[in-house]
Amino acid sequence: MLSQKALLLGAARRPALRRALVGTPVTRQVVDRFVAGETLPEALDVVRRLTGEGLAVTLDHLGEDVTDRAEAQRSRDAYLAALDGLAPLGLGRRAEVSVKLSAFGQALPGGHDVALDLVRPVVEAAAAIGTTVTLDMEDSSTVDSTLGVLAELRRDHPETGAVLQAALHRTEEDVQALATPGSRVRLVKGAYDEPPSVAFQGRDDVDAAYARCLGVLMRGPGYPMVGSHDPRLVSVAQRLATEYGRTPDSWEVQMLYGIRPDEQRRLTAEGVCVRAYVPYGADWYGYFVRRLAERPANLRFFLRSLVTTS
């Protein structure tokens, strides 16, 4: 029997359901909690508000799995526009951007080189305004290509970051390889539906793997980015940071926009660097469904909204 998570992730690939949900007013009301608008000006308003509250941000223009090079070029142009929009704010590394290489043509023929060619000017533009780019990680089939693009980009821009998913069996080795001076690694549990051959399936196993990987990053000379809303894992991160003598500016916690905002502000008030992952854009459906799939509380919130507004 399929799990709730598998069913929801499957729904992300069903065009009919997509059309039905996208056209539902209550869906948009809930999406507004997790997505900072469909346009860049709306996203920049959220950036100003969050940074004014003391948070850092990473801006994500939604889109993935592009089907032609022209579409991939539009993703590049959207990020260049976002960086142009961030420049006058003078936020430096308090406002970075996150990219999915599948939005830059990674799945096209010759996609590794296509994605590298198109993402490189985004990395260069980010460096020009004093900030950075983090390469989001997608399903397990993309890991080798994404890490290969990372290695190429880091030759000229060693501050380029990457995301690793603790649920994958391979991640402990990948963490060891990336725990190097200057590296920036966002560690997440993983939101993709992966088979047992490549990923841990149980929550306890995933949490244990996360803690092991986090220990490697905290001991290492790089910059760990703790991508988690789980209070237990955030507490583990704080303990490890203290144990290994890390200063507040040598690591950070990252949480999604709209999820546990009070906790984000509380941690910030305690002196923890907290970065909100701020998605925006018209192509929000796949992102929204994955948020429902990865956390039961999000799904309950959505269903409750449907009931109370019907």
Protein backbone atom coordinates (compact mmCIF):
# COMPACT_ATOMS: atom_id res chain seq x y z
CA MET A 1 0.00 0.00 0.00
CA LEU A 2 1.36 3.42 -0.97
CA SER A 3 2.33 5.78 1.82
CA GLN A 4 0.75 9.22 2.22
CA LYS A 5 4.03 10.76 1.09
CA ALA A 6 4.21 8.61 -2.04
CA LEU A 7 0.60 9.42 -2.93
CA LEU A 8 1.17 13.15 -2.59
CA LEU A 9 4.41 13.10 -4.56
CA GLY A 10 2.61 11.15 -7.27
CA ALA A 11 -0.06 13.86 -7.28
CA ALA A 12 2.60 16.39 -8.18
CA ARG A 13 2.91 14.65 -11.56
CA ARG A 14 -0.85 14.50 -12.34
CA PRO A 15 -1.84 17.35 -14.73
CA ALA A 16 -5.58 17.02 -14.07
CA LEU A 17 -5.16 17.35 -10.31
CA ARG A 18 -2.75 20.21 -10.85
CA ARG A 19 -5.33 22.11 -12.91
CA ALA A 20 -8.04 21.50 -10.32
CA LEU A 21 -5.95 22.66 -7.36
CA VAL A 22 -4.33 25.63 -9.07
CA GLY A 23 -7.79 27.02 -9.86
CA THR A 24 -9.10 26.68 -6.29
CA PRO A 25 -9.15 29.93 -4.25
CA VAL A 26 -8.53 28.13 -0.96
CA THR A 27 -5.42 26.51 -2.45
CA ARG A 28 -4.05 29.93 -3.25
CA GLN A 29 -4.80 31.12 0.27
CA VAL A 30 -2.75 28.27 1.70
CA VAL A 31 -0.01 28.60 -0.91
CA ASP A 32 0.43 32.23 0.12
CA ARG A 33 1.68 30.91 3.44
CA PHE A 34 4.54 29.03 1.75
CA VAL A 35 5.24 31.03 -1.42
CA ALA A 36 6.29 34.70 -1.48
CA GLY A 37 4.14 35.65 -4.47
CA GLU A 38 4.34 34.95 -8.17
CA THR A 39 6.39 38.03 -9.12
CA LEU A 40 9.84 39.31 -8.24
CA PRO A 41 8.55 42.56 -6.66
CA GLU A 42 6.37 40.48 -4.32
CA ALA A 43 9.35 38.31 -3.39
CA LEU A 44 11.55 41.34 -2.76
CA ASP A 45 8.90 42.76 -0.42
CA VAL A 46 9.14 39.54 1.60
CA VAL A 47 12.95 39.74 1.56
CA ARG A 48 12.81 43.26 2.96
CA ARG A 49 10.38 42.21 5.69
CA LEU A 50 12.32 39.14 6.78
CA THR A 51 15.72 40.80 6.76
CA GLY A 52 14.18 43.68 8.68
CA GLU A 53 13.25 41.11 11.34
CA GLY A 54 16.87 39.95 11.52
CA LEU A 55 16.64 36.84 9.36
CA ALA A 56 18.80 35.99 6.37
CA VAL A 57 17.14 34.67 3.20
CA THR A 58 17.79 32.47 0.19
CA LEU A 59 15.59 33.27 -2.80
CA ASP A 60 14.32 30.45 -5.03
CA HIS A 61 12.62 31.13 -8.38
CA LEU A 62 10.28 28.15 -8.68
CA GLY A 63 10.61 25.86 -11.65
CA GLU A 64 12.18 22.49 -12.45
CA ASP A 65 12.35 19.70 -15.02
CA VAL A 66 12.47 22.06 -18.01
CA THR A 67 11.90 20.50 -21.41
CA ASP A 68 13.87 22.77 -23.77
CA ARG A 69 16.86 25.07 -23.74
CA ALA A 70 14.77 28.21 -24.21
CA GLU A 71 12.92 27.42 -21.00
CA ALA A 72 16.24 26.83 -19.24
CA GLN A 73 17.47 30.20 -20.48
CA ARG A 74 14.37 31.82 -19.02
CA SER A 75 15.30 30.30 -15.64
CA ARG A 76 18.76 31.82 -15.94
CA ASP A 77 17.28 35.20 -16.83
CA ALA A 78 14.85 35.05 -13.90
CA TYR A 79 17.76 34.57 -11.50
CA LEU A 80 19.78 37.35 -13.09
CA ALA A 81 16.77 39.63 -12.63
CA ALA A 82 16.46 38.51 -9.00
CA LEU A 83 20.08 39.36 -8.32
CA ASP A 84 19.61 42.74 -10.00
CA GLY A 85 16.67 43.26 -7.66
CA LEU A 86 18.70 42.27 -4.61
CA ALA A 87 21.69 44.47 -5.45
CA PRO A 88 20.21 47.82 -4.32
CA LEU A 89 19.21 46.31 -0.99
CA GLY A 90 22.89 45.96 -0.05
CA LEU A 91 22.30 42.81 1.96
CA GLY A 92 25.42 40.92 0.86
CA ARG A 93 25.35 37.31 1.98
CA ARG A 94 22.26 37.92 4.08
CA ALA A 95 20.37 37.39 0.80
CA GLU A 96 21.60 34.60 -1.45
CA VAL A 97 19.83 32.52 -4.12
CA SER A 98 19.13 28.80 -4.46
CA VAL A 99 18.82 27.09 -7.84
CA LYS A 100 17.61 23.72 -9.11
CA LEU A 101 19.77 22.54 -11.98
CA SER A 102 16.81 20.78 -13.58
CA ALA A 103 15.46 24.30 -14.19
CA PHE A 104 18.71 25.03 -16.05
CA GLY A 105 18.41 22.10 -18.44
CA GLN A 106 20.12 19.32 -16.49
CA ALA A 107 17.74 16.69 -17.92
CA LEU A 108 18.17 17.78 -21.56
CA PRO A 109 20.53 15.98 -23.94
CA GLY A 110 24.00 17.06 -22.85
CA GLY A 111 22.24 18.48 -19.82
CA HIS A 112 25.23 18.51 -17.49
CA ASP A 113 27.05 20.96 -19.76
CA VAL A 114 23.88 22.91 -20.53
CA ALA A 115 23.16 23.43 -16.82
CA LEU A 116 26.76 24.37 -16.10
CA ASP A 117 26.86 26.93 -18.92
CA LEU A 118 23.57 28.52 -17.87
CA VAL A 119 24.13 28.58 -14.12
CA ARG A 120 27.66 29.98 -14.32
CA PRO A 121 26.55 33.57 -15.13
CA VAL A 122 24.16 33.41 -12.17
CA VAL A 123 27.03 32.46 -9.87
CA GLU A 124 29.15 35.25 -11.35
CA ALA A 125 26.35 37.80 -10.90
CA ALA A 126 25.88 36.72 -7.29
CA ALA A 127 29.59 37.14 -6.60
CA ALA A 128 29.50 40.60 -8.17
CA ILE A 129 27.01 41.82 -5.53
CA GLY A 130 28.77 40.07 -2.66
CA THR A 131 26.56 37.05 -2.26
CA THR A 132 26.41 33.36 -3.17
CA VAL A 133 24.46 30.60 -4.88
CA THR A 134 23.45 27.25 -3.42
CA LEU A 135 22.70 24.31 -5.72
CA ASP A 136 19.56 22.57 -4.52
CA MET A 137 19.61 18.78 -4.66
CA GLU A 138 16.82 16.91 -6.42
CA ASP A 139 16.15 13.19 -6.74
CA SER A 140 18.97 10.67 -6.37
CA SER A 141 19.53 10.31 -10.11
CA THR A 142 20.83 13.90 -10.25
CA VAL A 143 23.35 13.77 -7.40
CA ASP A 144 26.47 12.94 -9.42
CA SER A 145 25.74 15.59 -12.05
CA THR A 146 24.92 18.24 -9.43
CA LEU A 147 28.10 17.57 -7.47
CA GLY A 148 30.05 17.63 -10.74
CA VAL A 149 28.65 21.07 -11.58
CA LEU A 150 29.47 22.19 -8.04
CA ALA A 151 33.10 21.12 -8.43
CA GLU A 152 33.40 23.10 -11.68
CA LEU A 153 31.83 26.23 -10.19
CA ARG A 154 33.92 26.11 -7.03
CA ARG A 155 37.14 26.42 -9.04
CA ASP A 156 36.39 30.12 -9.54
CA HIS A 157 33.74 30.61 -6.86
CA PRO A 158 34.60 28.38 -3.88
CA GLU A 159 31.75 29.88 -1.86
CA THR A 160 29.15 28.12 -4.05
CA GLY A 161 27.03 25.93 -1.82
CA ALA A 162 25.34 22.55 -2.22
CA VAL A 163 22.53 20.60 -0.60
CA LEU A 164 22.90 17.01 0.61
CA GLN A 165 20.03 14.75 1.65
CA ALA A 166 20.64 12.69 4.77
CA ALA A 167 18.10 10.06 3.69
CA LEU A 168 20.35 8.82 0.87
CA HIS A 169 22.75 6.01 1.76
CA ARG A 170 25.58 7.71 -0.12
CA THR A 171 25.36 11.03 1.75
CA GLU A 172 27.75 10.17 4.58
CA GLU A 173 30.52 9.74 2.01
CA ASP A 174 29.46 12.89 0.17
CA VAL A 175 29.51 14.87 3.42
CA GLN A 176 33.04 13.69 4.15
CA ALA A 177 34.13 14.80 0.68
CA LEU A 178 32.54 18.24 1.02
CA ALA A 179 33.56 19.01 4.61
CA THR A 180 36.49 21.08 3.37
CA PRO A 181 37.72 24.65 3.97
CA GLY A 182 35.39 27.18 2.40
CA SER A 183 32.63 24.73 1.53
CA ARG A 184 28.99 25.50 2.27
CA VAL A 185 26.68 22.53 2.73
CA ARG A 186 22.97 22.63 3.50
CA LEU A 187 22.01 19.33 5.10
CA VAL A 188 18.35 18.31 4.75
CA LYS A 189 16.47 15.10 5.40
CA GLY A 190 15.23 14.77 1.81
CA ALA A 191 11.78 15.34 0.32
CA TYR A 192 11.88 12.93 -2.63
CA ASP A 193 10.33 9.47 -2.73
CA GLU A 194 13.36 7.17 -3.08
CA PRO A 195 13.54 3.35 -3.10
CA PRO A 196 15.11 1.35 -0.24
CA SER A 197 18.10 0.55 -2.46
CA VAL A 198 19.27 4.16 -2.30
CA ALA A 199 17.62 5.69 0.77
CA PHE A 200 16.66 5.02 4.37
CA GLN A 201 12.90 4.56 4.71
CA GLY A 202 12.14 4.94 8.42
CA ARG A 203 12.06 8.26 10.24
CA ASP A 204 14.40 7.05 12.99
CA ASP A 205 16.96 5.83 10.46
CA VAL A 206 16.82 9.13 8.56
CA ASP A 207 17.18 11.13 11.77
CA ALA A 208 20.17 9.04 12.85
CA ALA A 209 21.80 9.51 9.47
CA TYR A 210 21.15 13.25 9.69
CA ALA A 211 22.82 13.45 13.10
CA ARG A 212 25.87 11.52 11.85
CA CYS A 213 26.24 13.74 8.79
CA LEU A 214 25.74 16.87 10.86
CA GLY A 215 28.52 15.79 13.20
CA VAL A 216 30.91 15.51 10.25
CA LEU A 217 30.00 18.99 9.04
CA MET A 218 30.25 20.60 12.46
CA ARG A 219 33.67 19.05 13.08
CA GLY A 220 34.93 20.08 9.66
CA PRO A 221 36.34 23.41 8.46
CA GLY A 222 33.43 24.34 6.19
CA TYR A 223 30.21 26.25 6.80
CA PRO A 224 27.31 23.95 7.83
CA MET A 225 23.77 24.98 6.96
CA VAL A 226 21.27 23.04 9.06
CA GLY A 227 18.18 22.64 6.90
CA SER A 228 15.60 21.37 9.37
CA HIS A 229 12.40 22.34 11.17
CA ASP A 230 12.79 19.44 13.61
CA PRO A 231 13.44 20.96 17.06
CA ARG A 232 15.38 17.85 18.12
CA LEU A 233 17.83 18.19 15.24
CA VAL A 234 18.16 21.94 15.68
CA SER A 235 19.02 21.28 19.34
CA VAL A 236 21.60 18.70 18.25
CA ALA A 237 23.09 21.32 15.93
CA GLN A 238 23.30 23.88 18.74
CA ARG A 239 24.97 21.34 21.02
CA LEU A 240 27.49 20.33 18.36
CA ALA A 241 28.26 23.96 17.58
CA THR A 242 29.04 24.55 21.24
CA GLU A 243 31.03 21.33 21.53
CA TYR A 244 33.24 22.21 18.56
CA GLY A 245 33.64 25.85 19.49
CA ARG A 246 31.80 27.29 16.50
CA THR A 247 31.06 31.00 16.53
CA PRO A 248 27.56 32.18 15.56
CA ASP A 249 28.82 33.36 12.16
CA SER A 250 30.33 29.98 11.25
CA TRP A 251 27.08 28.04 10.76
CA GLU A 252 23.37 28.62 10.32
CA VAL A 253 19.91 27.11 10.52
CA GLN A 254 17.71 27.17 7.42
CA MET A 255 13.93 26.86 7.45
CA LEU A 256 11.29 27.21 4.76
CA TYR A 257 9.33 30.42 4.47
CA GLY A 258 5.99 30.02 6.21
CA ILE A 259 6.97 27.03 8.35
CA ARG A 260 7.53 27.61 12.09
CA PRO A 261 8.00 31.39 11.67
CA ASP A 262 7.80 31.98 15.42
CA GLU A 263 10.63 29.50 15.95
CA GLN A 264 12.67 31.24 13.28
CA ARG A 265 12.31 34.53 15.14
CA ARG A 266 13.00 32.89 18.51
CA LEU A 267 16.26 31.34 17.32
CA THR A 268 17.28 34.64 15.73
CA ALA A 269 16.68 36.42 19.03
CA GLU A 270 18.95 33.86 20.71
CA GLY A 271 21.77 34.80 18.36
CA VAL A 272 21.47 31.88 15.92
CA CYS A 273 21.83 32.79 12.26
CA VAL A 274 18.55 31.72 10.67
CA ARG A 275 18.01 31.82 6.91
CA ALA A 276 14.51 31.54 5.45
CA TYR A 277 14.19 29.69 2.15
CA VAL A 278 11.91 32.01 0.17
CA PRO A 279 10.33 30.56 -3.01
CA TYR A 280 8.42 32.66 -5.52
CA GLY A 281 7.08 32.37 -9.04
CA ALA A 282 4.09 31.08 -10.97
CA ASP A 283 5.31 27.47 -11.09
CA TRP A 284 4.56 26.78 -7.43
CA TYR A 285 2.54 23.55 -7.69
CA GLY A 286 5.31 20.94 -7.40
CA TYR A 287 6.94 22.82 -4.53
CA PHE A 288 3.61 23.10 -2.71
CA VAL A 289 2.79 19.39 -3.00
CA ARG A 290 6.24 18.38 -1.69
CA ARG A 291 5.69 20.61 1.34
CA LEU A 292 2.43 18.77 2.02
CA ALA A 293 4.14 15.40 1.57
CA GLU A 294 7.10 15.96 3.84
CA ARG A 295 5.27 17.17 6.95
CA PRO A 296 1.87 15.91 8.18
CA ALA A 297 1.17 19.23 9.89
CA ASN A 298 1.25 21.00 6.52
CA LEU A 299 -1.31 18.59 5.08
CA ARG A 300 -3.55 18.98 8.14
CA PHE A 301 -3.33 22.76 7.74
CA PHE A 302 -4.36 22.49 4.08
CA LEU A 303 -7.27 20.11 4.72
CA ARG A 304 -8.50 22.19 7.64
CA SER A 305 -8.50 25.24 5.36
CA LEU A 306 -10.57 23.38 2.78
CA VAL A 307 -13.15 22.44 5.42
CA THR A 308 -13.39 25.81 7.14
CA THR A 309 -13.84 27.74 3.89
CA SER A 310 -16.32 25.39 2.23
